[in-house]
Amino acid sequence: MSTKSPGVAFRHVLDGAPLTYVRGLLGEDTCALLDLLGGGATDEAMLRRVAGSAVSPERLISQPDELESFLALLPEAKRSELANRLGWAGATGADLFLSKVEWTADQRRTLLGFLGLVVDRASERSPAFRSATSPTYGMFPHQRRAARRVRDLLYSGERRGVLHLPTGVGKTRTGMNLICDHLRGHEPTVVVWLARGRELLEQAATEFERAWGALGNREVSVIRMWGDAPVELEGITDGIVVLGLDKAVSAAKSDRTFLDRLALHATLTVFDEAHQAVAPTYSRVVEALTLRRDASLLGLTATPGRTWANISEDAKLSEFFARQKVMLEIDGYDNPVTALIEQGYLARPLFRTVATQSGMKLSAADQQGIANAFEIPESLVDRLATNVQWNLQVVRTVLDLIKDHRRILLFAASVEHSRLIVAILSALGLDAAQVTAESSTRHRDNAIARFKSPSSKPMVLSNFGVLTTGFDAPAASATVIARPTTSLVLYSQMVGRVIRGPHAGGTPTCDVVTVVDPDLPGFGDVAEAFTNWEDVWSNR
């Protein structure tokens, strides 16, 4: 028999399914949320539209009971077509054949294709291992002043320190100028750039190529070493190695000489998001790379602490960098952030909190868990992410902002929370997309490209755990923070995504709306965050 068949769209199956089945897929909380948004009982068409977006087909067919119920919804002719695709020879009935399918990964992929779904969640593209670059790159006055002071720390005494610049002020560009100076003055030599996350790593590699194209004096190697890239060090004696922290840890476990061999040629290590440096596995990587007497260590961060109020934890970070930090200084201002806003380098943030009583009551165990972990436990966040009143407030906040903003960035509480909010916004007629760690590289790149495009059509980009660092979209002028946290570092990073000012290609003002549950700890404003950690550092 032929295995070719037209299949049937997943949404069409849901359109023909009993309404009770559709409501069951969405769950009582989501149905209640839709009822509130509609001012009464939600009509059938809206329920089916939201289900078509919010329900994950892959997750549904991965559950045997759910899969059996779903297949029963297919018309008899379509079940026969599906059986054909799966190799049915016709010796038995199609339904009997389907009941005996083992549903391996390949068979589930065939079913998804039958339902009209493109399965493109492939592994990340292997980055190019080696490239070369050749010559428009400058710094603002405040960046040049900070760079001069950092040089004094890197080449004398402890030979280590932190460059502390607010998010949106160009710590990466300032760091790249310092790297280019180092490469020109120490020929041949290797600089190692350490960071976590594909976005941060690719941003660093691309930014270095831009910087060296304008500032370089010779051809050097640019090594991208993360994901599936090889960890071959042969011939790497001059240039920059952009090394993923997780890649460094795994490579060192597989080959105990890996870091030692890299350190032979490395005279400068740069740790992006330096507040992570004292995590035990990462600190061992840094110490291994800085064993040479002439090796320097530079940390880059907008938040030179690991916590909001635990001074002993923050002191560990300070000691790791010899208590040496260069903080941005601008003549005539006590707080440089104020100056940068007035001069147009940063947008003027308009902070607002929207409180909603979710009805969650913290037990003594919950409160103890928050205190011990310095963060809200995942179990509490998951409860909040399905709460009707919480989600109603999140959706209403976006609908309010979309009247005045072309690009809105939303930080969701979880992957499923992001999927649900985007499904509801899309059903309400908004252009909404999401990126999470589960998104394929192609989907993530396409969604971000649309968000960064000059199109005048308003768009909402939701994410969880992806766009807090390494993401630059100056046109974004509003953010909705629906991810509860007690981490000032994380909160500052989320706010920082929309704080680019006109001189940096951004907007004069930006709206930062935090949806809060008054019963949970968290933040609603980071106006004073820039100076929060000063008591554990000796600034230069």
Protein backbone atom coordinates (compact mmCIF):
# COMPACT_ATOMS: atom_id res chain seq x y z
CA MET A 1 0.00 0.00 0.00
CA SER A 2 1.07 3.59 -0.58
CA THR A 3 2.31 5.46 2.44
CA LYS A 4 1.54 8.87 0.91
CA SER A 5 -1.52 10.61 2.32
CA PRO A 6 -2.67 14.19 2.90
CA GLY A 7 -2.99 13.75 6.67
CA VAL A 8 -5.11 16.05 8.81
CA ALA A 9 -4.25 19.26 10.65
CA PHE A 10 -3.98 19.04 14.44
CA ARG A 11 -6.25 22.09 14.81
CA HIS A 12 -8.88 20.47 12.58
CA VAL A 13 -8.95 17.45 14.86
CA LEU A 14 -9.60 19.71 17.84
CA ASP A 15 -12.25 21.62 15.86
CA GLY A 16 -14.19 18.40 15.45
CA ALA A 17 -13.60 17.06 18.95
CA PRO A 18 -16.29 17.15 21.67
CA LEU A 19 -16.17 20.40 23.61
CA THR A 20 -15.73 18.48 26.86
CA TYR A 21 -12.53 16.97 25.45
CA VAL A 22 -11.19 20.41 24.46
CA ARG A 23 -12.00 21.85 27.89
CA GLY A 24 -10.28 18.89 29.50
CA LEU A 25 -7.11 19.57 27.52
CA LEU A 26 -7.09 23.22 28.59
CA GLY A 27 -7.90 22.51 32.24
CA GLU A 28 -10.32 24.22 34.59
CA ASP A 29 -8.02 27.14 35.42
CA THR A 30 -7.44 28.13 31.81
CA CYS A 31 -11.14 27.83 31.00
CA ALA A 32 -11.95 30.01 34.00
CA LEU A 33 -9.36 32.57 32.86
CA LEU A 34 -10.92 32.71 29.38
CA ASP A 35 -14.38 33.12 30.92
CA LEU A 36 -13.13 36.12 32.92
CA LEU A 37 -11.49 37.69 29.88
CA GLY A 38 -14.69 37.27 27.89
CA GLY A 39 -16.94 38.63 30.60
CA GLY A 40 -18.93 35.40 30.77
CA ALA A 41 -18.90 31.87 29.43
CA THR A 42 -16.31 31.68 26.66
CA ASP A 43 -17.71 30.78 23.29
CA GLU A 44 -16.79 27.46 21.72
CA ALA A 45 -14.73 28.98 18.91
CA MET A 46 -12.44 30.82 21.33
CA LEU A 47 -11.88 27.67 23.39
CA ARG A 48 -10.88 25.72 20.30
CA ARG A 49 -8.56 28.51 19.04
CA VAL A 50 -6.71 28.72 22.33
CA ALA A 51 -6.45 24.93 22.59
CA GLY A 52 -4.97 24.77 19.09
CA SER A 53 -2.08 26.99 20.24
CA ALA A 54 -1.73 26.25 23.96
CA VAL A 55 -1.86 22.46 23.82
CA SER A 56 1.49 20.91 22.94
CA PRO A 57 0.92 18.14 20.36
CA GLU A 58 4.28 16.59 21.20
CA ARG A 59 3.44 16.39 24.89
CA LEU A 60 -0.04 15.08 24.20
CA ILE A 61 1.09 12.18 22.01
CA SER A 62 3.87 11.25 24.44
CA GLN A 63 1.26 10.08 26.97
CA PRO A 64 -0.19 6.65 26.03
CA ASP A 65 -3.69 7.29 27.44
CA GLU A 66 -3.86 10.77 25.90
CA LEU A 67 -2.63 9.40 22.57
CA GLU A 68 -5.25 6.65 22.52
CA SER A 69 -8.03 9.18 23.18
CA PHE A 70 -6.67 11.50 20.51
CA LEU A 71 -6.42 8.80 17.83
CA ALA A 72 -10.03 7.84 18.53
CA LEU A 73 -11.02 11.35 17.39
CA LEU A 74 -9.62 10.78 13.89
CA PRO A 75 -12.16 9.80 11.23
CA GLU A 76 -11.90 6.15 10.21
CA ALA A 77 -10.43 7.04 6.81
CA LYS A 78 -7.75 9.17 8.46
CA ARG A 79 -6.83 6.39 10.86
CA SER A 80 -6.29 4.15 7.83
CA GLU A 81 -4.13 6.82 6.18
CA LEU A 82 -2.04 7.12 9.33
CA ALA A 83 -1.67 3.33 9.53
CA ASN A 84 -0.41 3.36 5.95
CA ARG A 85 2.26 5.92 6.81
CA LEU A 86 3.38 3.76 9.71
CA GLY A 87 3.79 0.65 7.51
CA TRP A 88 0.41 -1.08 7.74
CA ALA A 89 0.29 -3.94 5.25
CA GLY A 90 -3.48 -4.45 5.43
CA ALA A 91 -3.38 -7.95 6.93
CA THR A 92 -5.31 -6.75 9.98
CA GLY A 93 -7.67 -3.86 10.61
CA ALA A 94 -6.13 -0.39 10.75
CA ASP A 95 -7.33 0.18 14.32
CA LEU A 96 -5.82 -3.08 15.52
CA PHE A 97 -2.56 -2.17 13.81
CA LEU A 98 -2.50 1.27 15.48
CA SER A 99 -3.20 -0.27 18.88
CA LYS A 100 -0.02 -2.35 18.59
CA VAL A 101 2.29 0.45 17.42
CA GLU A 102 5.15 0.94 19.90
CA TRP A 103 5.30 4.72 19.23
CA THR A 104 9.02 5.11 19.04
CA ALA A 105 10.50 8.57 18.50
CA ASP A 106 10.45 8.04 14.72
CA GLN A 107 6.83 6.87 14.78
CA ARG A 108 5.79 9.88 16.87
CA ARG A 109 7.61 12.09 14.39
CA THR A 110 5.62 10.46 11.57
CA LEU A 111 2.38 11.18 13.47
CA LEU A 112 3.36 14.83 13.94
CA GLY A 113 4.05 15.11 10.21
CA PHE A 114 0.66 13.48 9.52
CA LEU A 115 -0.90 16.23 11.66
CA GLY A 116 0.76 18.92 9.56
CA LEU A 117 3.36 19.83 12.16
CA VAL A 118 6.95 20.55 11.14
CA VAL A 119 9.31 18.93 13.62
CA ASP A 120 12.40 21.14 13.67
CA ARG A 121 13.57 20.93 17.30
CA ALA A 122 16.97 19.85 16.19
CA SER A 123 20.14 20.10 18.18
CA GLU A 124 21.86 23.44 18.08
CA ARG A 125 23.92 24.17 15.02
CA SER A 126 27.56 23.40 15.54
CA PRO A 127 29.32 26.76 15.53
CA ALA A 128 32.12 27.32 13.07
CA PHE A 129 35.32 26.34 14.84
CA ARG A 130 37.67 28.90 13.31
CA SER A 131 37.26 32.18 11.46
CA ALA A 132 39.40 35.22 10.73
CA THR A 133 38.55 38.90 10.70
CA SER A 134 40.01 42.04 9.33
CA PRO A 135 38.87 46.62 9.35
CA THR A 136 34.46 51.04 13.09
CA TYR A 137 34.51 50.76 16.70
CA GLY A 138 34.68 53.42 19.40
CA MET A 139 33.70 54.10 22.98
CA PHE A 140 31.73 56.82 24.70
CA PRO A 141 33.70 59.05 27.10
CA HIS A 142 32.46 57.21 30.21
CA GLN A 143 33.51 53.89 28.68
CA ARG A 144 36.99 55.17 27.83
CA ARG A 145 37.49 56.42 31.40
CA ALA A 146 36.44 53.07 32.85
CA ALA A 147 38.72 51.19 30.44
CA ARG A 148 41.74 53.25 31.48
CA ARG A 149 41.17 52.43 35.16
CA VAL A 150 40.65 48.72 34.46
CA ARG A 151 44.02 48.52 32.69
CA ASP A 152 45.72 49.61 35.91
CA LEU A 153 44.20 46.59 37.70
CA LEU A 154 44.96 44.01 35.01
CA TYR A 155 48.69 44.63 34.72
CA SER A 156 49.81 45.20 38.31
CA GLY A 157 49.35 43.72 41.77
CA GLU A 158 46.73 40.95 41.83
CA ARG A 159 46.13 41.35 38.07
CA ARG A 160 42.39 40.90 38.46
CA GLY A 161 39.29 43.04 38.86
CA VAL A 162 35.69 43.64 37.83
CA LEU A 163 34.31 46.19 35.38
CA HIS A 164 30.92 47.23 36.75
CA LEU A 165 28.75 49.01 34.18
CA PRO A 166 24.94 49.24 34.22
CA THR A 167 23.06 47.11 31.72
CA GLY A 168 22.76 48.95 28.43
CA VAL A 169 25.92 51.03 28.89
CA GLY A 170 28.19 48.81 26.77
CA LYS A 171 30.25 46.59 29.06
CA THR A 172 30.79 44.17 26.16
CA ARG A 173 32.08 46.92 23.86
CA THR A 174 34.34 48.28 26.61
CA GLY A 175 35.61 44.78 27.32
CA MET A 176 36.35 44.18 23.64
CA ASN A 177 38.43 47.36 23.46
CA LEU A 178 40.47 46.09 26.40
CA ILE A 179 40.89 42.70 24.70
CA CYS A 180 42.06 44.30 21.47
CA ASP A 181 44.58 46.40 23.39
CA HIS A 182 45.83 43.23 25.10
CA LEU A 183 46.22 41.28 21.86
CA ARG A 184 48.13 44.13 20.22
CA GLY A 185 50.45 44.43 23.20
CA HIS A 186 51.14 40.73 23.83
CA GLU A 187 51.75 39.21 20.40
CA PRO A 188 51.28 36.28 20.13
CA THR A 189 48.84 35.44 22.93
CA VAL A 190 45.43 33.97 23.64
CA VAL A 191 42.44 35.60 25.34
CA VAL A 192 39.76 33.30 26.79
CA TRP A 193 36.22 34.65 27.04
CA LEU A 194 34.01 32.64 29.43
CA ALA A 195 30.20 32.82 29.42
CA ARG A 196 27.07 30.69 29.64
CA GLY A 197 24.38 30.44 26.98
CA ARG A 198 24.49 30.41 23.19
CA GLU A 199 23.25 34.00 22.88
CA LEU A 200 25.97 35.44 25.13
CA LEU A 201 28.69 33.37 23.49
CA GLU A 202 27.72 34.18 19.91
CA GLN A 203 27.28 37.84 20.85
CA ALA A 204 30.83 37.88 22.21
CA ALA A 205 32.36 36.19 19.16
CA THR A 206 30.54 38.49 16.75
CA GLU A 207 31.38 41.59 18.78
CA PHE A 208 35.06 40.67 18.87
CA GLU A 209 35.11 40.29 15.08
CA ARG A 210 33.62 43.78 14.76
CA ALA A 211 36.08 45.23 17.27
CA TRP A 212 39.19 43.59 15.84
CA GLY A 213 38.14 44.56 12.33
CA ALA A 214 38.49 48.19 13.40
CA LEU A 215 41.23 47.95 16.04
CA GLY A 216 43.35 44.93 15.10
CA ASN A 217 46.86 44.89 13.70
CA ARG A 218 47.08 41.34 12.36
CA GLU A 219 45.01 38.30 11.54
CA VAL A 220 44.07 36.28 14.63
CA SER A 221 42.03 33.16 15.31
CA VAL A 222 38.47 33.41 16.59
CA ILE A 223 37.58 30.08 18.21
CA ARG A 224 33.95 29.32 18.98
CA MET A 225 33.94 26.52 21.52
CA TRP A 226 30.47 25.62 22.80
CA GLY A 227 27.64 23.26 21.93
CA ASP A 228 28.90 20.52 19.62
CA ALA A 229 32.08 22.36 18.59
CA PRO A 230 35.34 20.40 18.96
CA VAL A 231 37.70 21.13 21.86
CA GLU A 232 40.83 20.78 19.77
CA LEU A 233 43.57 23.17 20.92
CA GLU A 234 46.24 22.30 18.35
CA GLY A 235 47.63 25.44 16.73
CA ILE A 236 45.70 27.91 18.91
CA THR A 237 48.43 30.35 19.95
CA ASP A 238 47.16 33.79 18.94
CA GLY A 239 43.60 35.13 19.16
CA ILE A 240 40.48 34.62 21.25
CA VAL A 241 38.74 31.47 22.44
CA VAL A 242 35.06 32.07 23.20
CA LEU A 243 34.49 29.19 25.57
CA GLY A 244 31.19 28.06 27.06
CA LEU A 245 31.51 27.45 30.79
CA ASP A 246 29.66 24.16 30.60
CA LYS A 247 31.86 23.16 27.67
CA ALA A 248 34.95 23.98 29.72
CA VAL A 249 33.75 21.86 32.65
CA SER A 250 32.88 18.85 30.47
CA ALA A 251 36.12 19.11 28.48
CA ALA A 252 38.16 19.19 31.69
CA LYS A 253 36.40 16.07 32.93
CA SER A 254 37.13 14.22 29.69
CA ASP A 255 40.72 15.45 29.47
CA ARG A 256 42.43 16.60 32.65
CA THR A 257 45.07 18.42 30.63
CA PHE A 258 42.60 20.51 28.59
CA LEU A 259 42.61 23.62 30.80
CA ASP A 260 46.35 23.33 31.47
CA ARG A 261 47.11 23.25 27.75
CA LEU A 262 44.83 26.22 27.10
CA ALA A 263 46.41 28.13 30.00
CA LEU A 264 49.87 27.76 28.45
CA HIS A 265 49.01 30.47 25.91
CA ALA A 266 46.27 32.41 27.78
CA THR A 267 47.36 35.70 29.34
CA LEU A 268 43.88 37.23 29.79
CA THR A 269 40.66 35.55 30.88
CA VAL A 270 37.40 37.50 30.70
CA PHE A 271 34.41 36.23 32.68
CA ASP A 272 31.13 37.63 31.37
CA GLU A 273 28.35 37.89 33.99
CA ALA A 274 31.07 37.73 36.62
CA HIS A 275 28.68 37.21 39.55
CA GLN A 276 28.68 33.52 38.53
CA ALA A 277 32.45 33.16 38.91
CA VAL A 278 32.52 31.80 42.47
CA ALA A 279 30.31 28.81 41.70
CA PRO A 280 32.71 25.95 42.60
CA THR A 281 32.83 24.30 39.17
CA TYR A 282 33.38 27.63 37.41
CA SER A 283 35.92 29.00 39.88
CA ARG A 284 38.08 25.91 39.26
CA VAL A 285 38.02 26.67 35.54
CA VAL A 286 39.09 30.28 36.16
CA GLU A 287 41.88 29.35 38.56
CA ALA A 288 43.23 26.78 36.10
CA LEU A 289 43.34 29.39 33.33
CA THR A 290 45.12 32.03 35.43
CA LEU A 291 48.07 30.06 36.81
CA ARG A 292 50.67 31.95 34.75
CA ARG A 293 52.36 34.76 36.64
CA ASP A 294 51.50 37.16 33.80
CA ALA A 295 47.87 36.00 33.47
CA SER A 296 45.14 38.59 34.14
CA LEU A 297 41.46 38.13 35.02
CA LEU A 298 38.67 40.58 34.12
CA GLY A 299 35.09 40.19 35.27
CA LEU A 300 32.23 41.98 33.49
CA THR A 301 28.89 42.54 35.17
CA ALA A 302 26.02 44.94 35.74
CA THR A 303 25.32 43.30 39.11
CA PRO A 304 28.52 42.70 41.13
CA GLY A 305 26.89 40.45 43.70
CA ARG A 306 25.19 37.07 43.84
CA THR A 307 22.30 38.05 46.14
CA TRP A 308 20.29 41.00 47.36
CA ALA A 309 21.06 40.91 51.07
CA ASN A 310 23.48 38.06 51.88
CA ILE A 311 26.69 39.99 52.42
CA SER A 312 28.83 36.88 53.06
CA GLU A 313 27.93 35.43 49.65
CA ASP A 314 28.68 38.75 47.95
CA ALA A 315 31.96 39.05 49.87
CA LYS A 316 33.12 35.74 48.36
CA LEU A 317 32.73 37.24 44.90
CA SER A 318 34.58 40.38 45.94
CA GLU A 319 37.49 38.38 47.39
CA PHE A 320 37.70 36.26 44.23
CA PHE A 321 38.41 39.44 42.25
CA ALA A 322 40.77 40.84 44.92
CA ARG A 323 38.10 43.33 46.06
CA GLN A 324 38.94 45.45 43.01
CA LYS A 325 36.13 46.93 40.96
CA VAL A 326 35.97 49.79 38.51
CA MET A 327 32.63 51.51 38.82
CA LEU A 328 31.34 53.96 36.26
CA GLU A 329 31.96 57.56 37.25
CA ILE A 330 30.61 60.69 35.59
CA ASP A 331 31.68 64.13 36.77
CA GLY A 332 28.97 66.08 38.57
CA TYR A 333 26.81 63.07 39.44
CA ASP A 334 26.69 60.89 42.55
CA ASN A 335 24.88 58.11 40.69
CA PRO A 336 26.11 57.58 37.11
CA VAL A 337 22.82 55.98 36.09
CA THR A 338 21.09 59.33 36.56
CA ALA A 339 23.65 60.97 34.29
CA LEU A 340 23.32 58.31 31.61
CA ILE A 341 19.56 58.74 31.55
CA GLU A 342 19.80 62.53 31.30
CA GLN A 343 22.41 62.25 28.54
CA GLY A 344 20.34 59.77 26.52
CA TYR A 345 22.53 56.68 26.88
CA LEU A 346 19.86 54.91 28.94
CA ALA A 347 16.09 55.11 28.65
CA ARG A 348 14.24 56.62 31.59
CA PRO A 349 12.53 53.61 33.17
CA LEU A 350 8.99 54.07 34.44
CA PHE A 351 8.53 51.37 37.07
CA ARG A 352 5.06 50.15 37.94
CA THR A 353 3.80 47.17 39.89
CA VAL A 354 0.47 45.46 39.36
CA ALA A 355 -0.60 43.50 42.40
CA THR A 356 -2.91 40.54 42.24
CA GLN A 357 -4.01 38.37 45.09
CA SER A 358 -3.54 34.81 43.86
CA GLY A 359 -4.87 33.30 47.07
CA MET A 360 -1.61 31.45 47.62
CA LYS A 361 -0.78 31.11 51.29
CA LEU A 362 2.82 30.37 52.19
CA SER A 363 3.29 27.58 54.68
CA ALA A 364 6.14 27.62 57.18
CA ALA A 365 7.92 25.12 54.93
CA ASP A 366 7.45 27.44 51.92
CA GLN A 367 8.91 30.39 53.82
CA GLN A 368 11.84 28.30 55.00
CA GLY A 369 12.48 27.11 51.42
CA ILE A 370 12.67 30.70 50.18
CA ALA A 371 15.04 31.67 52.99
CA ASN A 372 17.36 28.71 52.41
CA ALA A 373 17.51 28.91 48.62
CA PHE A 374 17.59 32.71 48.23
CA GLU A 375 14.94 32.16 45.58
CA ILE A 376 11.27 31.23 45.28
CA PRO A 377 10.97 27.41 45.04
CA GLU A 378 9.93 26.04 41.66
CA SER A 379 6.88 24.36 43.19
CA LEU A 380 5.49 27.75 44.29
CA VAL A 381 6.21 29.32 40.90
CA ASP A 382 4.42 26.45 39.15
CA ARG A 383 1.34 26.97 41.35
CA LEU A 384 1.36 30.66 40.55
CA ALA A 385 1.78 30.07 36.79
CA THR A 386 -1.58 28.23 36.63
CA ASN A 387 -3.43 30.66 38.88
CA VAL A 388 -6.44 32.27 37.19
CA GLN A 389 -6.17 35.70 38.84
CA TRP A 390 -2.43 35.90 38.19
CA ASN A 391 -2.76 35.09 34.50
CA LEU A 392 -5.73 37.42 34.11
CA GLN A 393 -3.56 40.26 35.39
CA VAL A 394 -0.67 39.32 33.10
CA VAL A 395 -2.90 39.33 30.02
CA ARG A 396 -4.60 42.59 31.01
CA THR A 397 -1.22 44.24 31.57
CA VAL A 398 -0.05 43.30 28.06
CA LEU A 399 -3.33 44.51 26.53
CA ASP A 400 -2.90 47.82 28.32
CA LEU A 401 0.71 48.30 27.16
CA ILE A 402 0.10 47.29 23.53
CA LYS A 403 -1.86 50.52 23.02
CA ASP A 404 1.32 52.59 23.34
CA HIS A 405 4.22 50.26 22.55
CA ARG A 406 5.41 48.59 19.35
CA ARG A 407 7.60 45.93 21.00
CA ILE A 408 6.85 44.35 24.38
CA LEU A 409 9.10 41.77 26.04
CA LEU A 410 7.43 39.39 28.49
CA PHE A 411 9.26 37.29 31.08
CA ALA A 412 7.08 34.29 31.96
CA ALA A 413 7.23 32.11 35.06
CA SER A 414 7.82 28.83 33.19
CA VAL A 415 7.85 27.29 29.72
CA GLU A 416 4.22 26.20 30.01
CA HIS A 417 3.24 29.60 31.39
CA SER A 418 4.86 31.30 28.39
CA ARG A 419 3.07 28.93 25.98
CA LEU A 420 -0.30 29.61 27.62
CA ILE A 421 0.02 33.41 27.67
CA VAL A 422 1.17 33.50 24.02
CA ALA A 423 -1.72 31.24 22.99
CA ILE A 424 -4.25 33.53 24.68
CA LEU A 425 -2.71 36.72 23.27
CA SER A 426 -2.68 35.20 19.78
CA ALA A 427 -6.32 34.14 20.11
CA LEU A 428 -7.13 37.74 21.07
CA GLY A 429 -5.62 38.91 17.79
CA LEU A 430 -2.15 40.06 18.89
CA ASP A 431 1.09 39.16 17.18
CA ALA A 432 2.76 37.10 19.91
CA ALA A 433 5.59 34.57 19.89
CA GLN A 434 7.72 32.79 22.46
CA VAL A 435 11.26 31.51 22.81
CA THR A 436 12.40 29.09 25.50
CA ALA A 437 15.23 26.64 25.98
CA GLU A 438 13.01 24.07 24.24
CA SER A 439 12.70 26.18 21.08
CA SER A 440 14.61 25.03 18.03
CA THR A 441 17.43 27.27 16.83
CA ARG A 442 15.48 28.11 13.67
CA HIS A 443 12.31 29.06 15.55
CA ARG A 444 14.27 31.13 18.10
CA ASP A 445 16.20 33.02 15.41
CA ASN A 446 13.03 33.69 13.37
CA ALA A 447 11.05 34.96 16.38
CA ILE A 448 13.86 37.25 17.51
CA ALA A 449 14.41 38.55 13.96
CA ARG A 450 10.71 39.46 13.69
CA PHE A 451 10.86 41.18 17.07
CA LYS A 452 13.89 43.22 16.01
CA SER A 453 12.45 44.09 12.59
CA PRO A 454 11.38 47.68 11.78
CA SER A 455 7.77 46.59 11.18
CA SER A 456 5.25 49.00 12.72
CA LYS A 457 2.93 46.14 13.69
CA PRO A 458 3.01 45.68 17.48
CA MET A 459 4.47 42.41 18.72
CA VAL A 460 4.88 40.64 22.05
CA LEU A 461 7.84 38.30 22.57
CA SER A 462 7.53 36.00 25.56
CA ASN A 463 10.36 33.95 26.99
CA PHE A 464 11.48 31.89 29.93
CA GLY A 465 15.14 31.60 30.89
CA VAL A 466 16.51 32.67 27.50
CA LEU A 467 16.56 36.44 26.99
CA THR A 468 17.74 37.67 30.40
CA THR A 469 21.30 38.04 29.04
CA GLY A 470 22.91 38.30 25.63
CA PHE A 471 19.79 39.77 24.02
CA ASP A 472 19.79 43.23 22.47
CA ALA A 473 16.57 44.69 21.01
CA PRO A 474 16.72 48.48 21.42
CA ALA A 475 13.26 48.94 19.87
CA ALA A 476 11.68 47.13 22.85
CA SER A 477 10.20 49.90 24.98
CA ALA A 478 8.20 47.91 27.52
CA THR A 479 8.57 44.75 29.53
CA VAL A 480 6.15 42.73 31.61
CA ILE A 481 7.90 40.80 34.36
CA ALA A 482 5.63 37.91 35.31
CA ARG A 483 8.44 35.80 36.71
CA PRO A 484 8.57 36.12 40.51
CA THR A 485 12.09 36.17 41.91
CA THR A 486 14.04 37.22 44.96
CA SER A 487 17.23 37.56 42.91
CA LEU A 488 18.18 41.19 42.34
CA VAL A 489 20.67 39.94 39.74
CA LEU A 490 17.96 38.21 37.70
CA TYR A 491 15.48 41.07 38.15
CA SER A 492 18.09 43.63 37.05
CA GLN A 493 18.93 41.56 33.98
CA MET A 494 15.26 41.41 32.96
CA VAL A 495 14.84 45.17 33.38
CA GLY A 496 18.05 45.75 31.45
CA ARG A 497 16.65 44.31 28.24
CA VAL A 498 14.51 47.43 27.59
CA ILE A 499 16.69 50.19 29.01
CA ARG A 500 18.67 51.21 25.90
CA GLY A 501 18.51 54.96 25.35
CA PRO A 502 18.44 57.00 22.11
CA HIS A 503 22.27 57.15 21.88
CA ALA A 504 22.29 53.33 21.90
CA GLY A 505 19.53 53.04 19.30
CA GLY A 506 16.77 52.69 21.90
CA THR A 507 13.94 54.84 23.23
CA PRO A 508 13.83 57.89 25.56
CA THR A 509 11.62 56.09 28.08
CA CYS A 510 10.57 52.55 28.81
CA ASP A 511 7.79 50.96 30.86
CA VAL A 512 8.69 48.20 33.32
CA VAL A 513 5.59 46.55 34.74
CA THR A 514 6.06 43.84 37.34
CA VAL A 515 3.10 41.61 38.15
CA VAL A 516 3.44 40.81 41.83
CA ASP A 517 1.70 38.70 44.42
CA PRO A 518 1.93 40.71 47.68
CA ASP A 519 2.31 37.46 49.61
CA LEU A 520 5.58 36.63 47.80
CA PRO A 521 8.89 38.49 48.17
CA GLY A 522 10.32 40.23 45.12
CA PHE A 523 11.11 43.57 43.50
CA GLY A 524 9.24 46.33 41.78
CA ASP A 525 12.02 48.85 41.20
CA VAL A 526 15.80 48.69 40.79
CA ALA A 527 16.55 52.40 40.81
CA GLU A 528 19.14 51.98 43.58
CA ALA A 529 20.42 48.57 42.52
CA PHE A 530 23.55 49.93 40.87
CA THR A 531 25.09 50.84 44.25
CA ASN A 532 23.68 47.93 46.28
CA TRP A 533 26.92 45.96 46.60
CA GLU A 534 29.39 48.75 47.29
CA ASP A 535 30.07 47.75 50.90
CA VAL A 536 32.00 44.61 49.84
CA TRP A 537 34.15 46.22 47.13
CA SER A 538 37.03 48.64 47.01
CA ASN A 539 36.20 50.80 43.99
CA ARG A 540 38.82 52.36 41.76
